[in-house]
Amino acid sequence: MALGQYHLFLGMSAALLLLNGVSVAATPEEKIPGGWTPIKNVNDHHVQYLGSLAVKSQNLVGASLKFKSVTSGETQVVDGTNYRLVIEALNGNSMDKYQAVVYEKIRITSFNPLLG
């Protein structure tokens, strides 16, 4: 899968739901298979990137949101990783909170030595 397709897949895998406010906070080394684990550092670049992809995916289907930040979240180990993120985004003149679940699965399709 090309990098652009991977990003689109991640973005399109996100489902946003309006929240009244949720506060949870995860590190990969503490993931519990099947269970949800709080994200300890939501300021991590990768976590913020996934949140921005979720907002972009909603904008592709007609929303007009402007990503601000991921404020909290959890991870779940499955056949990849689910990220359940609380996102702040500007919706017109209103700063709203949304919940996005982003499924991420990294798959290496080939890895071969180059000769000469």
PDB file of N, CA and C in Angstrom:
ATOM      1  N   MET A   1       0.866  -1.177   0.000  1.00  0.00           N
ATOM      2  CA  MET A   1       0.000   0.000   0.000  1.00  0.00           C
ATOM      3  C   MET A   1       0.908   1.233   0.000  1.00  0.00           C
ATOM      4  N   ALA A   2       0.689   2.146  -0.896  1.00  0.00           N
ATOM      5  CA  ALA A   2       1.481   3.359  -0.976  1.00  0.00           C
ATOM      6  C   ALA A   2       1.222   4.236   0.234  1.00  0.00           C
ATOM      7  N   LEU A   3       2.187   5.100   0.561  1.00  0.00           N
ATOM      8  CA  LEU A   3       2.070   5.950   1.741  1.00  0.00           C
ATOM      9  C   LEU A   3       0.800   6.799   1.704  1.00  0.00           C
ATOM     10  N   GLY A   4       0.472   7.359   0.549  1.00  0.00           N
ATOM     11  CA  GLY A   4      -0.746   8.165   0.430  1.00  0.00           C
ATOM     12  C   GLY A   4      -1.995   7.339   0.678  1.00  0.00           C
ATOM     13  N   GLN A   5      -2.001   6.106   0.166  1.00  0.00           N
ATOM     14  CA  GLN A   5      -3.138   5.216   0.406  1.00  0.00           C
ATOM     15  C   GLN A   5      -3.234   4.855   1.871  1.00  0.00           C
ATOM     16  N   TYR A   6      -2.082   4.643   2.516  1.00  0.00           N
ATOM     17  CA  TYR A   6      -2.046   4.329   3.947  1.00  0.00           C
ATOM     18  C   TYR A   6      -2.668   5.462   4.748  1.00  0.00           C
ATOM     19  N   HIS A   7      -2.271   6.695   4.441  1.00  0.00           N
ATOM     20  CA  HIS A   7      -2.819   7.851   5.149  1.00  0.00           C
ATOM     21  C   HIS A   7      -4.323   7.975   4.913  1.00  0.00           C
ATOM     22  N   LEU A   8      -4.750   7.768   3.677  1.00  0.00           N
ATOM     23  CA  LEU A   8      -6.175   7.845   3.376  1.00  0.00           C
ATOM     24  C   LEU A   8      -6.925   6.738   4.107  1.00  0.00           C
ATOM     25  N   PHE A   9      -6.344   5.521   4.146  1.00  0.00           N
ATOM     26  CA  PHE A   9      -6.970   4.412   4.863  1.00  0.00           C
ATOM     27  C   PHE A   9      -7.142   4.762   6.338  1.00  0.00           C
ATOM     28  N   LEU A  10      -6.084   5.325   6.949  1.00  0.00           N
ATOM     29  CA  LEU A  10      -6.196   5.712   8.361  1.00  0.00           C
ATOM     30  C   LEU A  10      -7.276   6.770   8.543  1.00  0.00           C
ATOM     31  N   GLY A  11      -7.256   7.757   7.657  1.00  0.00           N
ATOM     32  CA  GLY A  11      -8.238   8.831   7.776  1.00  0.00           C
ATOM     33  C   GLY A  11      -9.654   8.345   7.567  1.00  0.00           C
ATOM     34  N   MET A  12      -9.841   7.486   6.583  1.00  0.00           N
ATOM     35  CA  MET A  12     -11.182   7.006   6.296  1.00  0.00           C
ATOM     36  C   MET A  12     -11.652   5.992   7.344  1.00  0.00           C
ATOM     37  N   SER A  13     -10.718   5.443   8.141  1.00  0.00           N
ATOM     38  CA  SER A  13     -11.091   4.502   9.195  1.00  0.00           C
ATOM     39  C   SER A  13     -11.568   5.223  10.442  1.00  0.00           C
ATOM     40  N   ALA A  14     -11.527   6.517  10.437  1.00  0.00           N
ATOM     41  CA  ALA A  14     -11.898   7.280  11.629  1.00  0.00           C
ATOM     42  C   ALA A  14     -13.394   7.573  11.620  1.00  0.00           C
ATOM     43  N   ALA A  15     -14.000   7.428  12.773  1.00  0.00           N
ATOM     44  CA  ALA A  15     -15.409   7.774  12.942  1.00  0.00           C
ATOM     45  C   ALA A  15     -15.488   8.848  14.009  1.00  0.00           C
ATOM     46  N   LEU A  16     -16.084   9.996  13.689  1.00  0.00           N
ATOM     47  CA  LEU A  16     -16.164  11.091  14.641  1.00  0.00           C
ATOM     48  C   LEU A  16     -17.558  11.175  15.244  1.00  0.00           C
ATOM     49  N   LEU A  17     -17.600  11.350  16.543  1.00  0.00           N
ATOM     50  CA  LEU A  17     -18.850  11.516  17.255  1.00  0.00           C
ATOM     51  C   LEU A  17     -18.734  12.732  18.169  1.00  0.00           C
ATOM     52  N   LEU A  18     -19.745  13.574  18.199  1.00  0.00           N
ATOM     53  CA  LEU A  18     -19.725  14.748  19.050  1.00  0.00           C
ATOM     54  C   LEU A  18     -19.798  14.332  20.508  1.00  0.00           C
ATOM     55  N   LEU A  19     -18.963  14.947  21.354  1.00  0.00           N
ATOM     56  CA  LEU A  19     -18.931  14.640  22.783  1.00  0.00           C
ATOM     57  C   LEU A  19     -19.267  15.880  23.598  1.00  0.00           C
ATOM     58  N   ASN A  20     -19.727  15.666  24.801  1.00  0.00           N
ATOM     59  CA  ASN A  20     -19.900  16.763  25.739  1.00  0.00           C
ATOM     60  C   ASN A  20     -18.645  16.973  26.554  1.00  0.00           C
ATOM     61  N   GLY A  21     -17.675  16.129  26.411  1.00  0.00           N
ATOM     62  CA  GLY A  21     -16.403  16.253  27.122  1.00  0.00           C
ATOM     63  C   GLY A  21     -16.025  14.936  27.759  1.00  0.00           C
ATOM     64  N   VAL A  22     -14.845  14.473  27.444  1.00  0.00           N
ATOM     65  CA  VAL A  22     -14.324  13.241  28.015  1.00  0.00           C
ATOM     66  C   VAL A  22     -12.873  13.508  28.365  1.00  0.00           C
ATOM     67  N   SER A  23     -12.401  12.974  29.466  1.00  0.00           N
ATOM     68  CA  SER A  23     -11.005  13.151  29.812  1.00  0.00           C
ATOM     69  C   SER A  23     -10.394  11.823  30.211  1.00  0.00           C
ATOM     70  N   VAL A  24      -9.595  11.294  29.346  1.00  0.00           N
ATOM     71  CA  VAL A  24      -8.807  10.097  29.623  1.00  0.00           C
ATOM     72  C   VAL A  24      -7.400  10.391  29.129  1.00  0.00           C
ATOM     73  N   ALA A  25      -6.405   9.720  29.525  1.00  0.00           N
ATOM     74  CA  ALA A  25      -5.089  10.057  29.004  1.00  0.00           C
ATOM     75  C   ALA A  25      -4.340   8.828  28.478  1.00  0.00           C
ATOM     76  N   ALA A  26      -1.459   7.159  26.679  1.00  0.00           N
ATOM     77  CA  ALA A  26      -1.167   5.711  26.548  1.00  0.00           C
ATOM     78  C   ALA A  26       0.195   5.528  26.001  1.00  0.00           C
ATOM     79  N   THR A  27       0.843   4.656  26.440  1.00  0.00           N
ATOM     80  CA  THR A  27       2.120   4.344  25.848  1.00  0.00           C
ATOM     81  C   THR A  27       2.077   2.964  25.223  1.00  0.00           C
ATOM     82  N   PRO A  28       2.752   2.788  24.091  1.00  0.00           N
ATOM     83  CA  PRO A  28       2.693   1.497  23.413  1.00  0.00           C
ATOM     84  C   PRO A  28       3.144   0.335  24.291  1.00  0.00           C
ATOM     85  N   GLU A  29       4.099   0.567  25.192  1.00  0.00           N
ATOM     86  CA  GLU A  29       4.598  -0.530  26.008  1.00  0.00           C
ATOM     87  C   GLU A  29       3.616  -0.997  27.074  1.00  0.00           C
ATOM     88  N   GLU A  30       2.533  -0.272  27.305  1.00  0.00           N
ATOM     89  CA  GLU A  30       1.553  -0.665  28.302  1.00  0.00           C
ATOM     90  C   GLU A  30       0.237  -1.138  27.695  1.00  0.00           C
ATOM     91  N   LYS A  31       0.214  -1.467  26.428  1.00  0.00           N
ATOM     92  CA  LYS A  31      -1.011  -1.896  25.766  1.00  0.00           C
ATOM     93  C   LYS A  31      -1.453  -3.254  26.296  1.00  0.00           C
ATOM     94  N   ILE A  32      -2.729  -3.378  26.559  1.00  0.00           N
ATOM     95  CA  ILE A  32      -3.319  -4.623  27.022  1.00  0.00           C
ATOM     96  C   ILE A  32      -4.115  -5.207  25.863  1.00  0.00           C
ATOM     97  N   PRO A  33      -3.754  -6.416  25.371  1.00  0.00           N
ATOM     98  CA  PRO A  33      -4.495  -6.987  24.237  1.00  0.00           C
ATOM     99  C   PRO A  33      -5.994  -7.050  24.507  1.00  0.00           C
ATOM    100  N   GLY A  34      -6.766  -6.446  23.610  1.00  0.00           N
ATOM    101  CA  GLY A  34      -8.220  -6.459  23.724  1.00  0.00           C
ATOM    102  C   GLY A  34      -8.797  -5.387  24.627  1.00  0.00           C
ATOM    103  N   GLY A  35      -8.016  -4.861  25.553  1.00  0.00           N
ATOM    104  CA  GLY A  35      -8.514  -3.835  26.475  1.00  0.00           C
ATOM    105  C   GLY A  35      -8.061  -2.454  26.033  1.00  0.00           C
ATOM    106  N   TRP A  36      -8.702  -1.451  26.586  1.00  0.00           N
ATOM    107  CA  TRP A  36      -8.336  -0.068  26.284  1.00  0.00           C
ATOM    108  C   TRP A  36      -7.353   0.412  27.339  1.00  0.00           C
ATOM    109  N   THR A  37      -6.276   1.065  26.897  1.00  0.00           N
ATOM    110  CA  THR A  37      -5.242   1.596  27.774  1.00  0.00           C
ATOM    111  C   THR A  37      -5.132   3.099  27.558  1.00  0.00           C
ATOM    112  N   PRO A  38      -5.155   3.898  28.629  1.00  0.00           N
ATOM    113  CA  PRO A  38      -5.035   5.353  28.474  1.00  0.00           C
ATOM    114  C   PRO A  38      -3.724   5.758  27.787  1.00  0.00           C
ATOM    115  N   ILE A  39      -3.793   6.762  26.966  1.00  0.00           N
ATOM    116  CA  ILE A  39      -2.599   7.322  26.330  1.00  0.00           C
ATOM    117  C   ILE A  39      -1.989   8.310  27.321  1.00  0.00           C
ATOM    118  N   LYS A  40      -0.757   8.045  27.712  1.00  0.00           N
ATOM    119  CA  LYS A  40      -0.095   8.910  28.696  1.00  0.00           C
ATOM    120  C   LYS A  40       0.361  10.230  28.101  1.00  0.00           C
ATOM    121  N   ASN A  41       0.825  10.205  26.860  1.00  0.00           N
ATOM    122  CA  ASN A  41       1.328  11.423  26.240  1.00  0.00           C
ATOM    123  C   ASN A  41       0.553  11.724  24.964  1.00  0.00           C
ATOM    124  N   VAL A  42      -0.576  12.412  25.110  1.00  0.00           N
ATOM    125  CA  VAL A  42      -1.376  12.739  23.924  1.00  0.00           C
ATOM    126  C   VAL A  42      -0.710  13.807  23.069  1.00  0.00           C
ATOM    127  N   ASN A  43       0.339  14.437  23.581  1.00  0.00           N
ATOM    128  CA  ASN A  43       1.071  15.428  22.793  1.00  0.00           C
ATOM    129  C   ASN A  43       2.080  14.787  21.847  1.00  0.00           C
ATOM    130  N   ASP A  44       2.221  13.463  21.911  1.00  0.00           N
ATOM    131  CA  ASP A  44       3.094  12.747  21.000  1.00  0.00           C
ATOM    132  C   ASP A  44       2.706  13.082  19.558  1.00  0.00           C
ATOM    133  N   HIS A  45       3.714  13.293  18.727  1.00  0.00           N
ATOM    134  CA  HIS A  45       3.466  13.709  17.338  1.00  0.00           C
ATOM    135  C   HIS A  45       2.552  12.725  16.602  1.00  0.00           C
ATOM    136  N   HIS A  46       2.781  11.427  16.793  1.00  0.00           N
ATOM    137  CA  HIS A  46       1.980  10.420  16.089  1.00  0.00           C
ATOM    138  C   HIS A  46       0.506  10.483  16.501  1.00  0.00           C
ATOM    139  N   VAL A  47       0.247  10.659  17.775  1.00  0.00           N
ATOM    140  CA  VAL A  47      -1.135  10.758  18.276  1.00  0.00           C
ATOM    141  C   VAL A  47      -1.815  11.993  17.684  1.00  0.00           C
ATOM    142  N   GLN A  48      -1.125  13.128  17.682  1.00  0.00           N
ATOM    143  CA  GLN A  48      -1.687  14.353  17.120  1.00  0.00           C
ATOM    144  C   GLN A  48      -1.915  14.198  15.614  1.00  0.00           C
ATOM    145  N   TYR A  49      -0.998  13.512  14.950  1.00  0.00           N
ATOM    146  CA  TYR A  49      -1.131  13.264  13.514  1.00  0.00           C
ATOM    147  C   TYR A  49      -2.381  12.434  13.208  1.00  0.00           C
ATOM    148  N   LEU A  50      -2.602  11.370  13.993  1.00  0.00           N
ATOM    149  CA  LEU A  50      -3.800  10.550  13.781  1.00  0.00           C
ATOM    150  C   LEU A  50      -5.067  11.369  14.003  1.00  0.00           C
ATOM    151  N   GLY A  51      -5.055  12.236  15.000  1.00  0.00           N
ATOM    152  CA  GLY A  51      -6.212  13.107  15.232  1.00  0.00           C
ATOM    153  C   GLY A  51      -6.470  14.030  14.053  1.00  0.00           C
ATOM    154  N   SER A  52      -5.400  14.575  13.491  1.00  0.00           N
ATOM    155  CA  SER A  52      -5.580  15.473  12.334  1.00  0.00           C
ATOM    156  C   SER A  52      -6.091  14.703  11.121  1.00  0.00           C
ATOM    157  N   LEU A  53      -5.644  13.448  10.958  1.00  0.00           N
ATOM    158  CA  LEU A  53      -6.157  12.624   9.850  1.00  0.00           C
ATOM    159  C   LEU A  53      -7.653  12.360  10.014  1.00  0.00           C
ATOM    160  N   ALA A  54      -8.085  12.126  11.251  1.00  0.00           N
ATOM    161  CA  ALA A  54      -9.503  11.874  11.494  1.00  0.00           C
ATOM    162  C   ALA A  54     -10.341  13.085  11.089  1.00  0.00           C
ATOM    163  N   VAL A  55      -9.872  14.272  11.436  1.00  0.00           N
ATOM    164  CA  VAL A  55     -10.594  15.495  11.060  1.00  0.00           C
ATOM    165  C   VAL A  55     -10.584  15.659   9.538  1.00  0.00           C
ATOM    166  N   LYS A  56      -9.443  15.414   8.916  1.00  0.00           N
ATOM    167  CA  LYS A  56      -9.368  15.524   7.453  1.00  0.00           C
ATOM    168  C   LYS A  56     -10.333  14.553   6.778  1.00  0.00           C
ATOM    169  N   SER A  57     -10.481  13.354   7.336  1.00  0.00           N
ATOM    170  CA  SER A  57     -11.394  12.382   6.733  1.00  0.00           C
ATOM    171  C   SER A  57     -12.832  12.874   6.789  1.00  0.00           C
ATOM    172  N   GLN A  58     -13.191  13.559   7.861  1.00  0.00           N
ATOM    173  CA  GLN A  58     -14.542  14.104   7.960  1.00  0.00           C
ATOM    174  C   GLN A  58     -14.743  15.252   6.981  1.00  0.00           C
ATOM    175  N   ASN A  59     -13.696  16.027   6.769  1.00  0.00           N
ATOM    176  CA  ASN A  59     -13.782  17.119   5.802  1.00  0.00           C
ATOM    177  C   ASN A  59     -13.925  16.593   4.371  1.00  0.00           C
ATOM    178  N   LEU A  60     -13.402  15.403   4.109  1.00  0.00           N
ATOM    179  CA  LEU A  60     -13.548  14.803   2.775  1.00  0.00           C
ATOM    180  C   LEU A  60     -14.993  14.421   2.478  1.00  0.00           C
ATOM    181  N   VAL A  61     -15.795  14.212   3.522  1.00  0.00           N
ATOM    182  CA  VAL A  61     -17.188  13.821   3.318  1.00  0.00           C
ATOM    183  C   VAL A  61     -18.159  14.953   3.671  1.00  0.00           C
ATOM    184  N   GLY A  62     -17.642  16.188   3.641  1.00  0.00           N
ATOM    185  CA  GLY A  62     -18.548  17.328   3.741  1.00  0.00           C
ATOM    186  C   GLY A  62     -18.451  18.186   4.985  1.00  0.00           C
ATOM    187  N   ALA A  63     -17.726  17.763   6.007  1.00  0.00           N
ATOM    188  CA  ALA A  63     -17.581  18.615   7.189  1.00  0.00           C
ATOM    189  C   ALA A  63     -16.638  19.767   6.856  1.00  0.00           C
ATOM    190  N   SER A  64     -16.615  20.756   7.707  1.00  0.00           N
ATOM    191  CA  SER A  64     -15.698  21.881   7.531  1.00  0.00           C
ATOM    192  C   SER A  64     -15.066  22.191   8.874  1.00  0.00           C
ATOM    193  N   LEU A  65     -14.263  21.256   9.351  1.00  0.00           N
ATOM    194  CA  LEU A  65     -13.642  21.363  10.665  1.00  0.00           C
ATOM    195  C   LEU A  65     -12.183  21.763  10.540  1.00  0.00           C
ATOM    196  N   LYS A  66     -11.670  22.426  11.565  1.00  0.00           N
ATOM    197  CA  LYS A  66     -10.259  22.778  11.618  1.00  0.00           C
ATOM    198  C   LYS A  66      -9.667  22.150  12.874  1.00  0.00           C
ATOM    199  N   PHE A  67      -8.760  21.194  12.696  1.00  0.00           N
ATOM    200  CA  PHE A  67      -8.145  20.462  13.802  1.00  0.00           C
ATOM    201  C   PHE A  67      -7.383  21.401  14.728  1.00  0.00           C
ATOM    202  N   LYS A  68      -7.608  21.238  16.048  1.00  0.00           N
ATOM    203  CA  LYS A  68      -6.818  21.963  17.033  1.00  0.00           C
ATOM    204  C   LYS A  68      -5.859  21.018  17.726  1.00  0.00           C
ATOM    205  N   SER A  69      -6.391  19.958  18.389  1.00  0.00           N
ATOM    206  CA  SER A  69      -5.512  19.025  19.077  1.00  0.00           C
ATOM    207  C   SER A  69      -6.273  17.799  19.565  1.00  0.00           C
ATOM    208  N   VAL A  70      -5.504  16.754  19.858  1.00  0.00           N
ATOM    209  CA  VAL A  70      -6.030  15.602  20.586  1.00  0.00           C
ATOM    210  C   VAL A  70      -5.833  15.937  22.050  1.00  0.00           C
ATOM    211  N   THR A  71      -6.904  15.859  22.837  1.00  0.00           N
ATOM    212  CA  THR A  71      -6.800  16.219  24.248  1.00  0.00           C
ATOM    213  C   THR A  71      -6.686  15.009  25.166  1.00  0.00           C
ATOM    214  N   SER A  72      -7.134  13.849  24.708  1.00  0.00           N
ATOM    215  CA  SER A  72      -7.016  12.619  25.484  1.00  0.00           C
ATOM    216  C   SER A  72      -7.311  11.445  24.568  1.00  0.00           C
ATOM    217  N   GLY A  73      -7.055  10.245  25.064  1.00  0.00           N
ATOM    218  CA  GLY A  73      -7.343   9.086  24.247  1.00  0.00           C
ATOM    219  C   GLY A  73      -6.909   7.795  24.901  1.00  0.00           C
ATOM    220  N   GLU A  74      -7.238   6.716  24.195  1.00  0.00           N
ATOM    221  CA  GLU A  74      -6.904   5.376  24.642  1.00  0.00           C
ATOM    222  C   GLU A  74      -6.507   4.554  23.427  1.00  0.00           C
ATOM    223  N   THR A  75      -5.754   3.477  23.670  1.00  0.00           N
ATOM    224  CA  THR A  75      -5.418   2.546  22.607  1.00  0.00           C
ATOM    225  C   THR A  75      -5.938   1.165  22.958  1.00  0.00           C
ATOM    226  N   GLN A  76      -6.167   0.378  21.909  1.00  0.00           N
ATOM    227  CA  GLN A  76      -6.618  -1.007  22.058  1.00  0.00           C
ATOM    228  C   GLN A  76      -5.870  -1.846  21.034  1.00  0.00           C
ATOM    229  N   VAL A  77      -5.189  -2.885  21.519  1.00  0.00           N
ATOM    230  CA  VAL A  77      -4.471  -3.781  20.614  1.00  0.00           C
ATOM    231  C   VAL A  77      -5.443  -4.817  20.088  1.00  0.00           C
ATOM    232  N   VAL A  78      -5.551  -4.882  18.776  1.00  0.00           N
ATOM    233  CA  VAL A  78      -6.366  -5.883  18.090  1.00  0.00           C
ATOM    234  C   VAL A  78      -5.437  -6.492  17.036  1.00  0.00           C
ATOM    235  N   ASP A  79      -5.865  -6.641  15.814  1.00  0.00           N
ATOM    236  CA  ASP A  79      -4.985  -7.090  14.743  1.00  0.00           C
ATOM    237  C   ASP A  79      -4.218  -5.898  14.172  1.00  0.00           C
ATOM    238  N   GLY A  80      -4.089  -4.896  14.926  1.00  0.00           N
ATOM    239  CA  GLY A  80      -3.450  -3.623  14.660  1.00  0.00           C
ATOM    240  C   GLY A  80      -3.661  -2.846  15.941  1.00  0.00           C
ATOM    241  N   THR A  81      -3.864  -1.555  15.845  1.00  0.00           N
ATOM    242  CA  THR A  81      -4.136  -0.743  17.030  1.00  0.00           C
ATOM    243  C   THR A  81      -5.300   0.192  16.755  1.00  0.00           C
ATOM    244  N   ASN A  82      -6.274   0.191  17.657  1.00  0.00           N
ATOM    245  CA  ASN A  82      -7.345   1.182  17.638  1.00  0.00           C
ATOM    246  C   ASN A  82      -6.920   2.330  18.540  1.00  0.00           C
ATOM    247  N   TYR A  83      -7.128   3.529  18.055  1.00  0.00           N
ATOM    248  CA  TYR A  83      -6.906   4.732  18.861  1.00  0.00           C
ATOM    249  C   TYR A  83      -8.260   5.392  19.035  1.00  0.00           C
ATOM    250  N   ARG A  84      -8.727   5.501  20.263  1.00  0.00           N
ATOM    251  CA  ARG A  84      -9.975   6.219  20.558  1.00  0.00           C
ATOM    252  C   ARG A  84      -9.541   7.576  21.106  1.00  0.00           C
ATOM    253  N   LEU A  85      -9.741   8.610  20.289  1.00  0.00           N
ATOM    254  CA  LEU A  85      -9.192   9.931  20.579  1.00  0.00           C
ATOM    255  C   LEU A  85     -10.285  10.953  20.829  1.00  0.00           C
ATOM    256  N   VAL A  86     -10.043  11.833  21.783  1.00  0.00           N
ATOM    257  CA  VAL A  86     -10.900  12.999  21.980  1.00  0.00           C
ATOM    258  C   VAL A  86     -10.173  14.163  21.314  1.00  0.00           C
ATOM    259  N   ILE A  87     -10.879  14.786  20.385  1.00  0.00           N
ATOM    260  CA  ILE A  87     -10.281  15.808  19.524  1.00  0.00           C
ATOM    261  C   ILE A  87     -11.026  17.127  19.693  1.00  0.00           C
ATOM    262  N   GLU A  88     -10.265  18.203  19.776  1.00  0.00           N
ATOM    263  CA  GLU A  88     -10.860  19.537  19.710  1.00  0.00           C
ATOM    264  C   GLU A  88     -10.687  20.045  18.283  1.00  0.00           C
ATOM    265  N   ALA A  89     -11.782  20.551  17.733  1.00  0.00           N
ATOM    266  CA  ALA A  89     -11.739  21.084  16.373  1.00  0.00           C
ATOM    267  C   ALA A  89     -12.683  22.281  16.280  1.00  0.00           C
ATOM    268  N   LEU A  90     -12.267  23.241  15.501  1.00  0.00           N
ATOM    269  CA  LEU A  90     -13.091  24.413  15.261  1.00  0.00           C
ATOM    270  C   LEU A  90     -14.148  24.069  14.233  1.00  0.00           C
ATOM    271  N   ASN A  91     -15.409  24.309  14.596  1.00  0.00           N
ATOM    272  CA  ASN A  91     -16.550  24.065  13.720  1.00  0.00           C
ATOM    273  C   ASN A  91     -17.228  25.409  13.526  1.00  0.00           C
ATOM    274  N   GLY A  92     -16.859  26.103  12.461  1.00  0.00           N
ATOM    275  CA  GLY A  92     -17.339  27.473  12.289  1.00  0.00           C
ATOM    276  C   GLY A  92     -16.667  28.350  13.337  1.00  0.00           C
ATOM    277  N   ASN A  93     -17.472  28.967  14.197  1.00  0.00           N
ATOM    278  CA  ASN A  93     -16.940  29.807  15.264  1.00  0.00           C
ATOM    279  C   ASN A  93     -16.908  29.091  16.607  1.00  0.00           C
ATOM    280  N   SER A  94     -17.252  27.818  16.627  1.00  0.00           N
ATOM    281  CA  SER A  94     -17.373  27.071  17.867  1.00  0.00           C
ATOM    282  C   SER A  94     -16.272  26.014  17.981  1.00  0.00           C
ATOM    283  N   MET A  95     -15.598  25.987  19.148  1.00  0.00           N
ATOM    284  CA  MET A  95     -14.612  24.940  19.414  1.00  0.00           C
ATOM    285  C   MET A  95     -15.367  23.766  20.021  1.00  0.00           C
ATOM    286  N   ASP A  96     -15.433  22.660  19.294  1.00  0.00           N
ATOM    287  CA  ASP A  96     -16.191  21.487  19.725  1.00  0.00           C
ATOM    288  C   ASP A  96     -15.258  20.322  19.990  1.00  0.00           C
ATOM    289  N   LYS A  97     -15.765  19.350  20.765  1.00  0.00           N
ATOM    290  CA  LYS A  97     -15.026  18.118  21.025  1.00  0.00           C
ATOM    291  C   LYS A  97     -15.692  16.973  20.275  1.00  0.00           C
ATOM    292  N   TYR A  98     -14.850  16.097  19.736  1.00  0.00           N
ATOM    293  CA  TYR A  98     -15.306  14.937  18.988  1.00  0.00           C
ATOM    294  C   TYR A  98     -14.554  13.711  19.487  1.00  0.00           C
ATOM    295  N   GLN A  99     -15.136  12.549  19.281  1.00  0.00           N
ATOM    296  CA  GLN A  99     -14.425  11.307  19.541  1.00  0.00           C
ATOM    297  C   GLN A  99     -14.199  10.619  18.204  1.00  0.00           C
ATOM    298  N   ALA A 100     -12.957  10.230  17.955  1.00  0.00           N
ATOM    299  CA  ALA A 100     -12.613   9.504  16.729  1.00  0.00           C
ATOM    300  C   ALA A 100     -11.985   8.178  17.120  1.00  0.00           C
ATOM    301  N   VAL A 101     -12.366   7.132  16.424  1.00  0.00           N
ATOM    302  CA  VAL A 101     -11.699   5.848  16.572  1.00  0.00           C
ATOM    303  C   VAL A 101     -10.948   5.609  15.271  1.00  0.00           C
ATOM    304  N   VAL A 102      -9.630   5.537  15.370  1.00  0.00           N
ATOM    305  CA  VAL A 102      -8.765   5.361  14.211  1.00  0.00           C
ATOM    306  C   VAL A 102      -8.115   3.991  14.317  1.00  0.00           C
ATOM    307  N   TYR A 103      -8.283   3.166  13.308  1.00  0.00           N
ATOM    308  CA  TYR A 103      -7.656   1.846  13.264  1.00  0.00           C
ATOM    309  C   TYR A 103      -6.363   1.961  12.464  1.00  0.00           C
ATOM    310  N   GLU A 104      -5.279   1.504  13.060  1.00  0.00           N
ATOM    311  CA  GLU A 104      -3.981   1.560  12.392  1.00  0.00           C
ATOM    312  C   GLU A 104      -3.374   0.163  12.340  1.00  0.00           C
ATOM    313  N   LYS A 105      -3.022  -0.246  11.136  1.00  0.00           N
ATOM    314  CA  LYS A 105      -2.356  -1.533  10.963  1.00  0.00           C
ATOM    315  C   LYS A 105      -1.236  -1.323   9.958  1.00  0.00           C
ATOM    316  N   ILE A 106      -0.029  -1.580  10.405  1.00  0.00           N
ATOM    317  CA  ILE A 106       1.121  -1.433   9.530  1.00  0.00           C
ATOM    318  C   ILE A 106       1.468  -2.811   9.000  1.00  0.00           C
ATOM    319  N   ARG A 107       1.568  -2.901   7.698  1.00  0.00           N
ATOM    320  CA  ARG A 107       1.855  -4.182   7.063  1.00  0.00           C
ATOM    321  C   ARG A 107       3.001  -3.984   6.085  1.00  0.00           C
ATOM    322  N   ILE A 108       4.061  -4.727   6.301  1.00  0.00           N
ATOM    323  CA  ILE A 108       5.183  -4.719   5.358  1.00  0.00           C
ATOM    324  C   ILE A 108       4.871  -5.775   4.300  1.00  0.00           C
ATOM    325  N   THR A 109       4.777  -5.367   3.054  1.00  0.00           N
ATOM    326  CA  THR A 109       4.409  -6.309   1.994  1.00  0.00           C
ATOM    327  C   THR A 109       5.616  -6.953   1.332  1.00  0.00           C
ATOM    328  N   SER A 110       6.780  -6.321   1.444  1.00  0.00           N
ATOM    329  CA  SER A 110       7.997  -6.952   0.949  1.00  0.00           C
ATOM    330  C   SER A 110       9.199  -6.260   1.557  1.00  0.00           C
ATOM    331  N   PHE A 111      10.285  -6.999   1.652  1.00  0.00           N
ATOM    332  CA  PHE A 111      11.551  -6.457   2.150  1.00  0.00           C
ATOM    333  C   PHE A 111      12.642  -7.350   1.577  1.00  0.00           C
ATOM    334  N   ASN A 112      13.338  -6.836   0.591  1.00  0.00           N
ATOM    335  CA  ASN A 112      14.328  -7.646  -0.127  1.00  0.00           C
ATOM    336  C   ASN A 112      15.642  -6.892  -0.224  1.00  0.00           C
ATOM    337  N   PRO A 113      16.756  -7.635  -0.176  1.00  0.00           N
ATOM    338  CA  PRO A 113      18.070  -6.976  -0.344  1.00  0.00           C
ATOM    339  C   PRO A 113      18.251  -6.498  -1.776  1.00  0.00           C
ATOM    340  N   LEU A 114      18.941  -5.408  -1.911  1.00  0.00           N
ATOM    341  CA  LEU A 114      19.277  -4.880  -3.236  1.00  0.00           C
ATOM    342  C   LEU A 114      20.678  -5.375  -3.595  1.00  0.00           C
ATOM    343  N   LEU A 115      20.820  -5.884  -4.771  1.00  0.00           N
ATOM    344  CA  LEU A 115      22.108  -6.406  -5.208  1.00  0.00           C
ATOM    345  C   LEU A 115      22.872  -5.336  -5.991  1.00  0.00           C
ATOM    346  N   GLY A 116      24.172  -5.269  -5.710  1.00  0.00           N
ATOM    347  CA  GLY A 116      25.096  -4.463  -6.450  1.00  0.00           C
ATOM    348  C   GLY A 116      24.838  -3.050  -6.484  1.00  0.00           C
TER     349      GLY A 116
END
